[in-house]
């Protein structure tokens, strides 16, 4: 997943662990993200899909919770209406969404 690796390099994110979920479609990562308050550990769920639903957000959140981490959801697609509601209300503060260009 070249776009994900490029995003990590551009933002000085260090990969600690990498998981293949679905070949060429879904990957999971444990990463260190630099911030003003110090280095943060995140679970990154990346998905190559045009429309991200509330189900996709819930799966990413559940995986992050299993590892006791916050979640960064990276995707090539956009959030649909229910997915946007999940990120902004239901999982607010626990799931961050970024669309890869």
Protein backbone atom coordinates (compact mmCIF):
# COMPACT_ATOMS: atom_id res chain seq x y z
CA UNK A 1 0.00 0.00 0.00
CA UNK A 2 2.22 2.73 -1.36
CA UNK A 3 -0.07 5.67 -0.51
CA UNK A 4 -0.07 4.70 3.18
CA UNK A 5 3.72 4.39 3.30
CA UNK A 6 4.06 7.78 1.59
CA UNK A 7 1.66 9.32 4.14
CA UNK A 8 3.76 7.88 6.97
CA UNK A 9 7.02 9.21 5.49
CA UNK A 10 5.56 12.66 4.81
CA UNK A 11 4.31 12.93 8.42
CA UNK A 12 7.38 11.38 10.14
CA UNK A 13 5.33 8.41 11.39
CA UNK A 14 7.31 5.35 12.48
CA UNK A 15 5.87 1.86 11.86
CA UNK A 16 6.33 -0.49 14.83
CA UNK A 17 4.22 -3.39 13.55
CA UNK A 18 2.37 -4.22 10.33
CA UNK A 19 -0.56 -6.60 9.72
CA UNK A 20 -2.07 -7.78 6.44
CA UNK A 21 -5.84 -8.00 6.81
CA UNK A 22 -6.97 -8.43 3.18
CA UNK A 23 -4.40 -8.64 0.41
CA UNK A 24 -4.05 -5.32 -1.46
CA UNK A 25 -7.15 -3.90 0.29
CA UNK A 26 -6.75 -3.66 4.07
CA UNK A 27 -3.75 -3.28 6.36
CA UNK A 28 -3.26 -2.62 10.04
CA UNK A 29 -0.29 -0.86 11.63
CA UNK A 30 0.93 0.06 15.09
CA UNK A 31 2.74 3.38 14.72
CA UNK A 32 4.47 6.14 16.66
CA UNK A 33 3.24 9.62 15.74
CA UNK A 34 5.27 12.66 16.83
CA UNK A 35 3.28 15.50 18.44
CA UNK A 36 3.80 18.64 20.51
CA UNK A 37 3.16 16.71 23.74
CA UNK A 38 5.41 13.77 22.86
CA UNK A 39 5.20 10.61 20.81
CA UNK A 40 1.76 8.97 20.57
CA UNK A 41 1.00 5.32 19.84
CA UNK A 42 -1.84 4.68 17.38
CA UNK A 43 -3.43 1.75 15.62
CA UNK A 44 -3.78 2.62 11.93
CA UNK A 45 -6.43 0.85 9.90
CA UNK A 46 -6.01 1.43 6.17
CA UNK A 47 -8.61 0.43 3.62
CA UNK A 48 -8.71 0.81 -0.16
CA UNK A 49 -12.41 1.46 -0.75
CA UNK A 50 -14.36 4.28 -2.41
CA UNK A 51 -17.04 4.67 0.28
CA UNK A 52 -16.41 4.13 4.00
CA UNK A 53 -19.46 3.15 6.05
CA UNK A 54 -20.20 3.17 9.76
CA UNK A 55 -19.43 -0.57 9.70
CA UNK A 56 -15.90 0.11 8.44
CA UNK A 57 -15.40 2.71 11.17
CA UNK A 58 -16.69 0.28 13.82
CA UNK A 59 -14.28 -2.46 12.64
CA UNK A 60 -11.33 -0.05 12.80
CA UNK A 61 -12.40 1.13 16.28
CA UNK A 62 -12.80 -2.46 17.56
CA UNK A 63 -9.31 -3.43 16.34
CA UNK A 64 -7.79 -0.36 18.03
CA UNK A 65 -9.63 -1.12 21.27
CA UNK A 66 -8.29 -4.69 21.28
CA UNK A 67 -4.82 -3.13 21.34
CA UNK A 68 -5.83 -0.38 23.83
CA UNK A 69 -5.00 2.41 21.37
CA UNK A 70 -6.72 5.23 19.55
CA UNK A 71 -7.40 4.67 15.88
CA UNK A 72 -6.32 6.47 12.72
CA UNK A 73 -8.46 5.38 9.76
CA UNK A 74 -6.66 5.95 6.45
CA UNK A 75 -8.52 5.34 3.21
CA UNK A 76 -8.58 6.24 -0.46
CA UNK A 77 -12.35 6.82 -0.30
CA UNK A 78 -14.75 9.17 1.42
CA UNK A 79 -16.93 8.70 4.46
CA UNK A 80 -20.59 8.14 3.67
CA UNK A 81 -23.22 9.87 5.81
CA UNK A 82 -23.37 7.15 8.51
CA UNK A 83 -19.58 6.79 8.51
CA UNK A 84 -19.18 10.52 9.06
CA UNK A 85 -21.68 10.40 11.92
CA UNK A 86 -19.72 7.56 13.54
CA UNK A 87 -16.40 9.43 13.35
CA UNK A 88 -17.83 12.77 14.51
CA UNK A 89 -20.25 11.58 17.21
CA UNK A 90 -20.19 7.92 18.21
CA UNK A 91 -16.40 7.44 18.25
CA UNK A 92 -15.42 11.12 18.62
CA UNK A 93 -11.89 11.42 19.98
CA UNK A 94 -11.16 7.70 19.53
CA UNK A 95 -11.15 7.48 15.73
CA UNK A 96 -9.43 9.98 13.45
CA UNK A 97 -10.16 9.87 9.72
CA UNK A 98 -7.79 10.88 6.92
CA UNK A 99 -8.42 10.49 3.21
CA UNK A 100 -5.35 9.66 1.13
CA UNK A 101 -4.96 11.54 -2.15
